[in-house]
Amino acid sequence: MIACATASISSMLVGGLFALSTGGSLKIVASVLPKSISTPFALSASEHIGGIPSITAALVVVAGLFGGLVGYPILNMLKVKSPLARGLSIGLFHMPLVQLKRRKPTTRKVQ
């Protein structure tokens, strides 16, 4: 639980500081902060703190794609073997895109 909270706060700080260091306005910073949560929550949070929801939506997708592409190789590099640990770490931080990737198609007869 502490690791999840620390990672979440660190992600927000790094994103916000990066936006500020590259000359982003406070609206841009407010749009970057909620990038690592599910899209509906991120859009609501962004709007609530004065960000631009459309920018936040794009950043949520980019963060999800990045996590989906590099998450498994990083876990392999760190030699994380436990299926529970792997599932939690990927699922908590990049759940929407990973679930789409891992979902098996259902086969139903069309009548």
N, C-alpha and C. Protein backbone atom coordinates (compact mmCIF):
# COMPACT_ATOMS: atom_id res chain seq x y z
N MET A 1 0.82 -1.19 0.00
CA MET A 1 0.00 0.00 0.00
C MET A 1 0.87 1.26 0.00
N ILE A 2 1.93 1.23 0.82
CA ILE A 2 2.82 2.38 0.89
C ILE A 2 3.55 2.57 -0.43
N ALA A 3 3.94 1.46 -1.06
CA ALA A 3 4.63 1.55 -2.35
C ALA A 3 3.73 2.15 -3.42
N CYS A 4 2.46 1.76 -3.43
CA CYS A 4 1.52 2.31 -4.42
C CYS A 4 1.33 3.80 -4.23
N ALA A 5 1.17 4.22 -2.98
CA ALA A 5 0.99 5.65 -2.69
C ALA A 5 2.25 6.43 -3.07
N THR A 6 3.40 5.88 -2.75
CA THR A 6 4.66 6.55 -3.08
C THR A 6 4.84 6.66 -4.59
N ALA A 7 4.54 5.59 -5.31
CA ALA A 7 4.67 5.62 -6.78
C ALA A 7 3.70 6.62 -7.39
N SER A 8 2.49 6.67 -6.88
CA SER A 8 1.49 7.59 -7.41
C SER A 8 1.91 9.04 -7.20
N ILE A 9 2.34 9.34 -5.98
CA ILE A 9 2.76 10.72 -5.68
C ILE A 9 4.01 11.08 -6.47
N SER A 10 4.94 10.15 -6.59
CA SER A 10 6.16 10.40 -7.36
C SER A 10 5.84 10.66 -8.83
N SER A 11 4.92 9.89 -9.38
CA SER A 11 4.52 10.07 -10.77
C SER A 11 3.92 11.46 -10.99
N MET A 12 3.09 11.88 -10.06
CA MET A 12 2.48 13.20 -10.18
C MET A 12 3.54 14.29 -10.08
N LEU A 13 4.45 14.17 -9.12
CA LEU A 13 5.50 15.17 -8.94
C LEU A 13 6.42 15.26 -10.15
N VAL A 14 6.85 14.11 -10.65
CA VAL A 14 7.75 14.10 -11.81
C VAL A 14 7.06 14.73 -13.02
N GLY A 15 5.82 14.34 -13.26
CA GLY A 15 5.09 14.91 -14.39
C GLY A 15 4.88 16.40 -14.26
N GLY A 16 4.48 16.84 -13.07
CA GLY A 16 4.26 18.26 -12.84
C GLY A 16 5.54 19.07 -12.95
N LEU A 17 6.62 18.56 -12.36
CA LEU A 17 7.90 19.27 -12.44
C LEU A 17 8.44 19.31 -13.87
N PHE A 18 8.23 18.22 -14.62
CA PHE A 18 8.65 18.21 -16.02
C PHE A 18 7.88 19.26 -16.82
N ALA A 19 6.57 19.34 -16.59
CA ALA A 19 5.75 20.34 -17.30
C ALA A 19 6.21 21.75 -16.95
N LEU A 20 6.49 22.00 -15.67
CA LEU A 20 6.97 23.33 -15.27
C LEU A 20 8.33 23.64 -15.85
N SER A 21 9.23 22.66 -15.84
CA SER A 21 10.60 22.90 -16.32
C SER A 21 10.65 23.13 -17.83
N THR A 22 9.67 22.65 -18.55
CA THR A 22 9.64 22.88 -20.00
C THR A 22 8.80 24.08 -20.38
N GLY A 23 8.41 24.87 -19.37
CA GLY A 23 7.69 26.12 -19.65
C GLY A 23 6.19 25.98 -19.71
N GLY A 24 5.65 24.91 -19.21
CA GLY A 24 4.20 24.72 -19.22
C GLY A 24 3.50 25.66 -18.25
N SER A 25 2.32 26.08 -18.62
CA SER A 25 1.52 26.94 -17.75
C SER A 25 0.91 26.11 -16.63
N LEU A 26 0.28 26.78 -15.68
CA LEU A 26 -0.37 26.06 -14.59
C LEU A 26 -1.51 25.19 -15.09
N LYS A 27 -2.18 25.60 -16.18
CA LYS A 27 -3.23 24.75 -16.77
C LYS A 27 -2.64 23.45 -17.30
N ILE A 28 -1.48 23.54 -17.90
CA ILE A 28 -0.81 22.34 -18.42
C ILE A 28 -0.38 21.44 -17.27
N VAL A 29 0.18 22.03 -16.24
CA VAL A 29 0.60 21.25 -15.06
C VAL A 29 -0.61 20.54 -14.46
N ALA A 30 -1.73 21.25 -14.34
CA ALA A 30 -2.94 20.65 -13.79
C ALA A 30 -3.47 19.55 -14.71
N SER A 31 -3.17 19.61 -15.98
CA SER A 31 -3.59 18.57 -16.92
C SER A 31 -2.69 17.34 -16.84
N VAL A 32 -1.43 17.55 -16.47
CA VAL A 32 -0.46 16.46 -16.40
C VAL A 32 -0.60 15.66 -15.10
N LEU A 33 -0.95 16.30 -14.02
CA LEU A 33 -0.96 15.64 -12.71
C LEU A 33 -1.77 14.35 -12.66
N PRO A 34 -3.00 14.31 -13.17
CA PRO A 34 -3.79 13.06 -13.02
C PRO A 34 -3.61 12.05 -14.14
N LYS A 35 -2.45 12.02 -14.79
CA LYS A 35 -2.26 11.17 -15.97
C LYS A 35 -2.22 9.67 -15.69
N SER A 36 -1.99 9.28 -14.45
CA SER A 36 -1.81 7.86 -14.16
C SER A 36 -3.00 7.19 -13.49
N ILE A 37 -4.18 7.74 -13.69
CA ILE A 37 -5.38 7.10 -13.15
C ILE A 37 -6.33 6.82 -14.30
N SER A 38 -7.37 6.08 -14.05
CA SER A 38 -8.33 5.72 -15.11
C SER A 38 -8.89 6.98 -15.75
N THR A 39 -9.16 6.90 -17.03
CA THR A 39 -9.55 8.06 -17.81
C THR A 39 -10.73 8.85 -17.22
N PRO A 40 -11.84 8.22 -16.82
CA PRO A 40 -12.95 9.02 -16.30
C PRO A 40 -12.56 9.81 -15.04
N PHE A 41 -11.79 9.17 -14.17
CA PHE A 41 -11.35 9.86 -12.95
C PHE A 41 -10.34 10.96 -13.28
N ALA A 42 -9.46 10.68 -14.23
CA ALA A 42 -8.46 11.67 -14.63
C ALA A 42 -9.11 12.91 -15.24
N LEU A 43 -10.12 12.70 -16.08
CA LEU A 43 -10.80 13.84 -16.70
C LEU A 43 -11.50 14.69 -15.65
N SER A 44 -12.17 14.04 -14.71
CA SER A 44 -12.86 14.76 -13.65
C SER A 44 -11.87 15.51 -12.76
N ALA A 45 -10.79 14.83 -12.39
CA ALA A 45 -9.78 15.46 -11.54
C ALA A 45 -9.14 16.65 -12.24
N SER A 46 -8.82 16.47 -13.52
CA SER A 46 -8.20 17.54 -14.29
C SER A 46 -9.10 18.77 -14.35
N GLU A 47 -10.36 18.54 -14.63
CA GLU A 47 -11.31 19.66 -14.70
C GLU A 47 -11.47 20.33 -13.34
N HIS A 48 -11.49 19.52 -12.30
CA HIS A 48 -11.68 20.03 -10.94
C HIS A 48 -10.51 20.91 -10.48
N ILE A 49 -9.28 20.56 -10.89
CA ILE A 49 -8.12 21.35 -10.45
C ILE A 49 -7.70 22.40 -11.47
N GLY A 50 -8.50 22.60 -12.51
CA GLY A 50 -8.24 23.67 -13.47
C GLY A 50 -7.43 23.27 -14.68
N GLY A 51 -7.36 21.98 -14.97
CA GLY A 51 -6.63 21.51 -16.14
C GLY A 51 -7.50 21.46 -17.38
N ILE A 52 -6.93 20.96 -18.44
CA ILE A 52 -7.63 20.82 -19.72
C ILE A 52 -7.89 19.32 -19.94
N PRO A 53 -9.15 18.89 -19.82
CA PRO A 53 -9.45 17.46 -19.88
C PRO A 53 -8.97 16.76 -21.15
N SER A 54 -9.00 17.42 -22.30
CA SER A 54 -8.58 16.76 -23.53
C SER A 54 -7.08 16.44 -23.51
N ILE A 55 -6.28 17.33 -22.93
CA ILE A 55 -4.85 17.05 -22.80
C ILE A 55 -4.64 15.90 -21.82
N THR A 56 -5.40 15.90 -20.73
CA THR A 56 -5.29 14.83 -19.75
C THR A 56 -5.64 13.49 -20.39
N ALA A 57 -6.69 13.45 -21.21
CA ALA A 57 -7.09 12.20 -21.87
C ALA A 57 -5.96 11.67 -22.74
N ALA A 58 -5.32 12.54 -23.49
CA ALA A 58 -4.20 12.11 -24.34
C ALA A 58 -3.04 11.59 -23.50
N LEU A 59 -2.76 12.25 -22.38
CA LEU A 59 -1.66 11.81 -21.53
C LEU A 59 -1.96 10.49 -20.84
N VAL A 60 -3.22 10.24 -20.50
CA VAL A 60 -3.60 8.96 -19.91
C VAL A 60 -3.34 7.84 -20.91
N VAL A 61 -3.68 8.06 -22.17
CA VAL A 61 -3.46 7.05 -23.21
C VAL A 61 -1.96 6.83 -23.41
N VAL A 62 -1.18 7.90 -23.46
CA VAL A 62 0.27 7.77 -23.64
C VAL A 62 0.89 7.03 -22.45
N ALA A 63 0.47 7.38 -21.24
CA ALA A 63 1.01 6.71 -20.05
C ALA A 63 0.64 5.22 -20.07
N GLY A 64 -0.57 4.90 -20.47
CA GLY A 64 -0.99 3.50 -20.55
C GLY A 64 -0.21 2.73 -21.61
N LEU A 65 -0.01 3.34 -22.76
CA LEU A 65 0.77 2.69 -23.82
C LEU A 65 2.21 2.47 -23.38
N PHE A 66 2.79 3.48 -22.78
CA PHE A 66 4.17 3.37 -22.32
C PHE A 66 4.30 2.26 -21.28
N GLY A 67 3.38 2.25 -20.32
CA GLY A 67 3.42 1.21 -19.30
C GLY A 67 3.20 -0.18 -19.86
N GLY A 68 2.30 -0.28 -20.83
CA GLY A 68 2.05 -1.56 -21.46
C GLY A 68 3.23 -2.06 -22.26
N LEU A 69 3.99 -1.14 -22.86
CA LEU A 69 5.15 -1.53 -23.67
C LEU A 69 6.38 -1.85 -22.83
N VAL A 70 6.60 -1.09 -21.77
CA VAL A 70 7.84 -1.28 -21.01
C VAL A 70 7.62 -1.98 -19.67
N GLY A 71 6.39 -2.14 -19.24
CA GLY A 71 6.12 -2.74 -17.93
C GLY A 71 6.65 -4.15 -17.78
N TYR A 72 6.31 -5.02 -18.72
CA TYR A 72 6.75 -6.41 -18.63
C TYR A 72 8.27 -6.54 -18.77
N PRO A 73 8.92 -5.85 -19.71
CA PRO A 73 10.38 -5.94 -19.76
C PRO A 73 11.06 -5.46 -18.48
N ILE A 74 10.52 -4.42 -17.85
CA ILE A 74 11.11 -3.95 -16.60
C ILE A 74 10.94 -5.00 -15.51
N LEU A 75 9.76 -5.60 -15.43
CA LEU A 75 9.55 -6.66 -14.43
C LEU A 75 10.46 -7.85 -14.70
N ASN A 76 10.68 -8.18 -15.97
CA ASN A 76 11.61 -9.26 -16.31
C ASN A 76 13.04 -8.90 -15.90
N MET A 77 13.44 -7.67 -16.15
CA MET A 77 14.77 -7.21 -15.81
C MET A 77 14.98 -7.26 -14.29
N LEU A 78 13.93 -6.92 -13.53
CA LEU A 78 14.02 -6.95 -12.07
C LEU A 78 13.82 -8.35 -11.51
N LYS A 79 13.59 -9.31 -12.41
CA LYS A 79 13.40 -10.72 -12.04
C LYS A 79 12.22 -10.94 -11.10
N VAL A 80 11.14 -10.21 -11.37
CA VAL A 80 9.91 -10.42 -10.60
C VAL A 80 9.21 -11.63 -11.20
N LYS A 81 9.08 -12.69 -10.42
CA LYS A 81 8.52 -13.95 -10.92
C LYS A 81 7.08 -14.18 -10.45
N SER A 82 6.70 -13.64 -9.33
CA SER A 82 5.39 -13.89 -8.77
C SER A 82 4.29 -13.37 -9.68
N PRO A 83 3.36 -14.24 -10.11
CA PRO A 83 2.25 -13.78 -10.95
C PRO A 83 1.40 -12.72 -10.24
N LEU A 84 1.27 -12.84 -8.93
CA LEU A 84 0.50 -11.86 -8.17
C LEU A 84 1.17 -10.49 -8.21
N ALA A 85 2.47 -10.46 -7.97
CA ALA A 85 3.20 -9.19 -7.99
C ALA A 85 3.19 -8.57 -9.39
N ARG A 86 3.37 -9.41 -10.41
CA ARG A 86 3.37 -8.90 -11.78
C ARG A 86 2.00 -8.34 -12.16
N GLY A 87 0.97 -9.09 -11.81
CA GLY A 87 -0.39 -8.66 -12.14
C GLY A 87 -0.78 -7.38 -11.43
N LEU A 88 -0.43 -7.29 -10.15
CA LEU A 88 -0.75 -6.08 -9.39
C LEU A 88 0.00 -4.87 -9.92
N SER A 89 1.30 -5.04 -10.16
CA SER A 89 2.08 -3.89 -10.60
C SER A 89 1.64 -3.39 -11.97
N ILE A 90 1.40 -4.28 -12.89
CA ILE A 90 0.95 -3.84 -14.21
C ILE A 90 -0.51 -3.40 -14.16
N GLY A 91 -1.34 -4.18 -13.50
CA GLY A 91 -2.76 -3.89 -13.46
C GLY A 91 -3.11 -2.59 -12.78
N LEU A 92 -2.42 -2.28 -11.70
CA LEU A 92 -2.73 -1.06 -10.96
C LEU A 92 -2.34 0.19 -11.74
N PHE A 93 -1.26 0.11 -12.48
CA PHE A 93 -0.76 1.32 -13.11
C PHE A 93 -1.14 1.46 -14.58
N HIS A 94 -1.45 0.36 -15.23
CA HIS A 94 -1.76 0.45 -16.66
C HIS A 94 -2.92 -0.46 -17.02
N MET A 95 -3.89 -0.56 -16.13
CA MET A 95 -4.93 -1.58 -16.28
C MET A 95 -5.76 -1.51 -17.54
N PRO A 96 -6.20 -0.37 -18.03
CA PRO A 96 -7.10 -0.42 -19.18
C PRO A 96 -6.48 -1.03 -20.42
N LEU A 97 -5.26 -0.60 -20.76
CA LEU A 97 -4.64 -1.10 -21.99
C LEU A 97 -4.15 -2.52 -21.85
N VAL A 98 -3.64 -2.87 -20.68
CA VAL A 98 -3.17 -4.24 -20.48
C VAL A 98 -4.34 -5.21 -20.53
N GLN A 99 -5.47 -4.82 -19.97
CA GLN A 99 -6.64 -5.70 -20.01
C GLN A 99 -7.10 -5.91 -21.45
N LEU A 100 -7.04 -4.87 -22.26
CA LEU A 100 -7.40 -5.05 -23.67
C LEU A 100 -6.44 -6.00 -24.37
N LYS A 101 -5.17 -5.89 -24.02
CA LYS A 101 -4.15 -6.74 -24.64
C LYS A 101 -4.32 -8.20 -24.22
N ARG A 102 -4.68 -8.43 -22.97
CA ARG A 102 -4.72 -9.78 -22.44
C ARG A 102 -6.07 -10.46 -22.60
N ARG A 103 -7.10 -9.70 -22.92
CA ARG A 103 -8.44 -10.29 -23.03
C ARG A 103 -8.50 -11.25 -24.20
N LYS A 104 -9.02 -12.41 -23.93
CA LYS A 104 -9.17 -13.40 -25.00
C LYS A 104 -10.51 -13.18 -25.67
N PRO A 105 -10.57 -13.29 -26.97
CA PRO A 105 -11.84 -13.11 -27.65
C PRO A 105 -12.82 -14.19 -27.26
N THR A 106 -14.05 -13.81 -27.11
CA THR A 106 -15.07 -14.80 -26.78
C THR A 106 -15.62 -15.37 -28.08
N THR A 107 -15.91 -16.62 -28.04
CA THR A 107 -16.48 -17.26 -29.23
C THR A 107 -17.92 -17.61 -28.92
N ARG A 108 -18.79 -16.99 -29.66
CA ARG A 108 -20.23 -17.27 -29.51
C ARG A 108 -20.78 -17.57 -30.88
N LYS A 109 -21.74 -18.44 -30.88
CA LYS A 109 -22.40 -18.73 -32.15
C LYS A 109 -23.38 -17.63 -32.48
N VAL A 110 -23.32 -17.19 -33.70
CA VAL A 110 -24.26 -16.20 -34.18
C VAL A 110 -25.48 -16.91 -34.71
N GLN A 111 -26.63 -16.52 -34.21
CA GLN A 111 -27.85 -17.21 -34.64
C GLN A 111 -28.67 -16.36 -35.57
